[in-house]
Each structure stands twice: as structure tokens, then as C-alpha cells.
Amino acid sequence: TSGPRGRPPFQLARGGDRLLPPRAKHTPIGPGMRTDSRRAALALAAACLSGLISGYALCVVSPVLTPLQRSLELCYPCAGGDSDHALARCSCEEKSLAVSSAMLGAVPGALFGGLAADRFGRRATLIATDVLAMASALLAATAGTLVPPSAFFAGRALSGVAVGSTGAAASAYVAEVASTATRGRWLTALELGL
């Protein structure tokens, strides 16, 4: 028997032990080709917001470092005084850890994020990393008031884990869900969020 257009309905796989459906012919992208549905566009926009959350988590500490020094008493009071200029020039291990703890968390996040995306799926991994990012922001925001000041470092490290995991899962998710006509635009939007 033959399938559509005279091709056999199934082809033998290499080795001849399994039957596979015939390969579809490649069609070029052009006017009238399928684009993303509204549901897919919303899912892709949410994935791109994960990129924005990652970029925010990495860079948010810079403008608030001086007020953080005061509220969490990192290098405070500084030998040069307690003005903004003196605190900005002051250097200590706690201040360095406040900035770099996100990167310390991003390393294991990147290592295990791809494994989690393969094991549990890209969408589930993105949801988990977004929840982790929200929990880390809550932990860092309440440091020194509801929880001990050291919780700020844990919150930053957890945000790093979320950032590292998001990098692996978001790009793959966007590449899989977006149509070929819009894939480049969605990946650009994801990278612009960072």
C-alpha cells in the first residue's frame, strides 16, 4: 500500500526494527504560514518575563547597595564616615558577599537547571524558578526585620539559583514553543530582558 503522494505510509528505521512515519517535506516560511496562537504568545511572553526577572535579580543590588549597608550594617559605620560617598568607597567581605552571592547560587543553578528542564520539562522548570525567584526576593526584602540579616545572603544565593536555572530552561522553551516564523523575535525579547 502507499500513503499520500505515493509514499509508503511508514518507513523502516535504521536497523529495520521499528516503523517510523514518513518525514514531512520542509516548507519555506512565507506569507500565510502558521504563526503563534494567542495561548502560545502568552506562554512565550511569560517565558520572556523570566528573562527579565533574571536580569533584575542580577543587577538590582547595585543601586541599593549603600542603603543596604546602612540597614544591614555591612561595613557600617565605615572608617571614612557614614556619608554615601564614604560607604561607596568602603570595602569589606560582607559587602562583597552581598553582591557576589547571586553568582555563587547561579553556578549550581546552571549546572542543575538543564537537568531539571530535561527531567521535569521546560515549563515546569520555568514555573519552579519563578516561584524560587519570588521566594528569594521575599527573603531578601525581610532580612533585618522579620528574619535575621544573614537571610539577605541566602535570598541572593537563591535568586542566583533561579537565574542559573532560568537560563537553561527559558531559551529551550522559547525555541520549542515559538513558530519558526517568530522564533527569532521571541528569543531576542528573552535576551533583551536580561
Protein backbone atom coordinates (compact mmCIF):
# COMPACT_ATOMS: atom_id res chain seq x y z
CA THR A 1 0.00 0.00 0.00
CA SER A 2 1.04 3.57 -0.38
CA GLY A 3 0.34 6.72 1.58
CA PRO A 4 -0.32 10.23 0.35
CA ARG A 5 1.54 11.27 -2.81
CA GLY A 6 2.66 7.71 -3.47
CA ARG A 7 5.00 7.47 -0.48
CA PRO A 8 4.83 4.44 1.78
CA PRO A 9 2.78 5.16 4.94
CA PHE A 10 5.70 4.09 7.16
CA GLN A 11 9.42 3.71 6.67
CA LEU A 12 11.72 1.28 8.42
CA ALA A 13 14.06 2.89 10.90
CA ARG A 14 17.78 2.26 10.75
CA GLY A 15 18.31 -1.34 11.66
CA GLY A 16 14.83 -2.24 10.39
CA ASP A 17 13.26 -2.94 13.79
CA ARG A 18 10.78 -0.02 14.05
CA LEU A 19 8.36 1.67 11.72
CA LEU A 20 8.50 5.45 11.54
CA PRO A 21 6.07 7.88 9.87
CA PRO A 22 7.47 9.47 6.72
CA ARG A 23 9.30 12.75 7.12
CA ALA A 24 7.44 15.88 6.17
CA LYS A 25 8.92 17.97 3.41
CA HIS A 26 10.48 21.24 4.50
CA THR A 27 8.38 24.22 3.52
CA PRO A 28 9.83 27.73 3.50
CA ILE A 29 8.38 30.40 5.76
CA GLY A 30 6.32 32.92 3.92
CA PRO A 31 3.06 34.82 3.98
CA GLY A 32 0.18 32.70 5.18
CA MET A 33 2.38 30.36 7.23
CA ARG A 34 1.37 29.47 10.79
CA THR A 35 2.28 31.96 13.48
CA ASP A 36 1.89 31.69 17.23
CA SER A 37 -1.58 31.34 18.71
CA ARG A 38 -2.67 33.67 21.50
CA ARG A 39 -2.12 30.97 24.09
CA ALA A 40 1.39 30.28 22.80
CA ALA A 41 2.12 34.02 22.68
CA LEU A 42 1.09 34.38 26.34
CA ALA A 43 3.28 31.42 27.32
CA LEU A 44 6.19 32.89 25.37
CA ALA A 45 5.68 36.31 26.96
CA ALA A 46 5.75 34.67 30.40
CA ALA A 47 9.00 32.90 29.48
CA CYS A 48 10.46 36.23 28.37
CA LEU A 49 9.44 37.73 31.72
CA SER A 50 11.57 35.02 33.33
CA GLY A 51 14.50 36.56 31.49
CA LEU A 52 13.53 39.98 32.82
CA ILE A 53 13.35 38.59 36.37
CA SER A 54 16.83 37.11 35.91
CA GLY A 55 18.31 40.38 34.72
CA TYR A 56 16.66 42.25 37.56
CA ALA A 57 17.92 39.76 40.15
CA LEU A 58 21.48 40.11 38.90
CA CYS A 59 21.61 43.90 38.74
CA VAL A 60 19.22 45.14 41.43
CA VAL A 61 21.83 45.20 44.19
CA SER A 62 23.97 47.94 42.65
CA PRO A 63 21.72 50.98 43.13
CA VAL A 64 20.62 49.94 46.62
CA LEU A 65 23.99 48.87 47.98
CA THR A 66 24.54 51.99 50.10
CA PRO A 67 21.12 51.83 51.80
CA LEU A 68 21.68 48.10 52.29
CA GLN A 69 24.96 48.83 54.03
CA ARG A 70 23.12 51.05 56.47
CA SER A 71 20.11 48.83 57.12
CA LEU A 72 22.02 45.53 57.41
CA GLU A 73 25.09 47.23 58.91
CA LEU A 74 27.52 45.90 56.31
CA CYS A 75 30.81 47.79 56.72
CA TYR A 76 28.89 50.29 58.79
CA PRO A 77 29.99 52.64 60.15
CA CYS A 78 32.85 52.91 57.71
CA ALA A 79 36.23 54.32 58.71
CA GLY A 80 35.75 57.17 56.24
CA GLY A 81 32.40 58.23 57.76
CA ASP A 82 28.78 57.43 57.09
CA SER A 83 28.13 59.57 54.03
CA ASP A 84 27.04 57.89 50.79
CA HIS A 85 30.41 58.62 49.23
CA ALA A 86 32.32 57.09 52.15
CA LEU A 87 30.09 54.00 52.20
CA ALA A 88 30.50 53.54 48.45
CA ARG A 89 34.29 53.57 48.83
CA CYS A 90 34.27 51.30 51.88
CA SER A 91 35.12 47.68 51.14
CA CYS A 92 34.62 44.57 53.28
CA GLU A 93 33.82 40.88 52.93
CA GLU A 94 30.12 41.27 53.76
CA LYS A 95 29.62 43.90 51.08
CA SER A 96 31.41 41.74 48.54
CA LEU A 97 29.29 38.74 49.52
CA ALA A 98 26.09 40.81 49.17
CA VAL A 99 26.95 41.42 45.52
CA SER A 100 28.50 38.07 44.61
CA SER A 101 26.17 35.67 46.44
CA ALA A 102 23.83 35.67 43.43
CA MET A 103 26.68 34.44 41.25
CA LEU A 104 27.54 31.79 43.82
CA GLY A 105 23.99 30.49 43.52
CA ALA A 106 23.92 30.77 39.73
CA VAL A 107 26.67 28.18 39.30
CA PRO A 108 24.72 25.22 40.76
CA GLY A 109 21.54 26.64 39.22
CA ALA A 110 23.08 26.50 35.76
CA LEU A 111 24.53 23.05 36.35
CA PHE A 112 21.27 21.52 37.53
CA GLY A 113 18.80 23.72 35.65
CA GLY A 114 19.32 21.92 32.37
CA LEU A 115 18.93 18.55 34.07
CA ALA A 116 15.71 19.71 35.72
CA ALA A 117 14.42 21.02 32.39
CA ASP A 118 15.10 17.65 30.75
CA ARG A 119 13.65 15.62 33.62
CA PHE A 120 10.57 17.68 34.56
CA GLY A 121 10.03 19.74 31.41
CA ARG A 122 10.90 23.29 30.47
CA ARG A 123 7.57 24.75 31.54
CA ALA A 124 7.62 23.13 34.98
CA THR A 125 11.22 24.25 35.48
CA LEU A 126 10.34 27.83 34.50
CA ILE A 127 7.43 27.87 36.94
CA ALA A 128 9.65 26.49 39.71
CA THR A 129 12.39 29.03 39.04
CA ASP A 130 9.89 31.90 39.04
CA VAL A 131 8.49 30.74 42.39
CA LEU A 132 12.05 30.42 43.69
CA ALA A 133 12.84 33.95 42.48
CA MET A 134 9.78 35.32 44.28
CA ALA A 135 10.66 33.46 47.48
CA SER A 136 14.25 34.73 47.33
CA ALA A 137 13.05 38.30 46.84
CA LEU A 138 10.76 37.96 49.84
CA LEU A 139 13.59 36.53 51.93
CA ALA A 140 15.98 39.32 50.94
CA ALA A 141 13.35 42.01 51.47
CA THR A 142 12.53 40.88 55.01
CA ALA A 143 16.18 40.46 56.06
CA GLY A 144 16.92 42.50 59.15
CA THR A 145 13.25 42.98 60.06
CA LEU A 146 11.34 39.68 60.15
CA VAL A 147 14.32 37.39 59.64
CA PRO A 148 17.99 37.77 60.61
CA PRO A 149 20.18 39.99 58.40
CA SER A 150 22.11 36.92 57.20
CA ALA A 151 18.93 35.83 55.37
CA PHE A 152 19.73 38.52 52.79
CA PHE A 153 22.72 36.48 51.60
CA ALA A 154 20.60 33.32 51.43
CA GLY A 155 17.96 35.21 49.45
CA ARG A 156 20.55 36.47 46.99
CA ALA A 157 22.01 32.96 46.61
CA LEU A 158 18.54 31.52 45.95
CA SER A 159 17.92 34.20 43.35
CA GLY A 160 21.18 33.10 41.73
CA VAL A 161 19.94 29.51 41.61
CA ALA A 162 16.77 30.76 39.92
CA VAL A 163 18.80 32.84 37.44
CA GLY A 164 21.05 29.92 36.54
CA SER A 165 18.14 27.53 36.08
CA THR A 166 16.11 30.00 34.06
CA GLY A 167 18.91 30.47 31.53
CA ALA A 168 18.81 26.83 30.52
CA ALA A 169 15.05 26.36 30.55
CA ALA A 170 13.78 29.64 29.06
CA SER A 171 15.80 29.55 25.85
CA ALA A 172 14.86 25.94 25.16
CA TYR A 173 11.19 26.59 25.97
CA VAL A 174 11.01 29.60 23.64
CA ALA A 175 12.76 27.68 20.87
CA GLU A 176 10.34 24.77 21.22
CA VAL A 177 7.07 26.71 21.56
CA ALA A 178 7.58 29.58 19.11
CA SER A 179 6.78 29.04 15.49
CA THR A 180 9.67 29.20 13.07
CA ALA A 181 8.33 32.50 11.74
CA THR A 182 8.57 34.23 15.15
CA ARG A 183 11.25 32.28 16.99
CA GLY A 184 13.99 34.85 16.43
CA ARG A 185 11.82 37.69 17.74
CA TRP A 186 10.90 35.78 20.89
CA LEU A 187 14.50 34.78 21.60
CA THR A 188 15.56 38.40 21.09
CA ALA A 189 12.87 39.50 23.56
CA LEU A 190 14.15 36.94 26.06
CA GLU A 191 17.73 38.20 25.74
CA LEU A 192 16.65 41.83 25.96
CA GLY A 193 15.03 41.04 29.31
CA LEU A 194 18.40 40.07 30.69
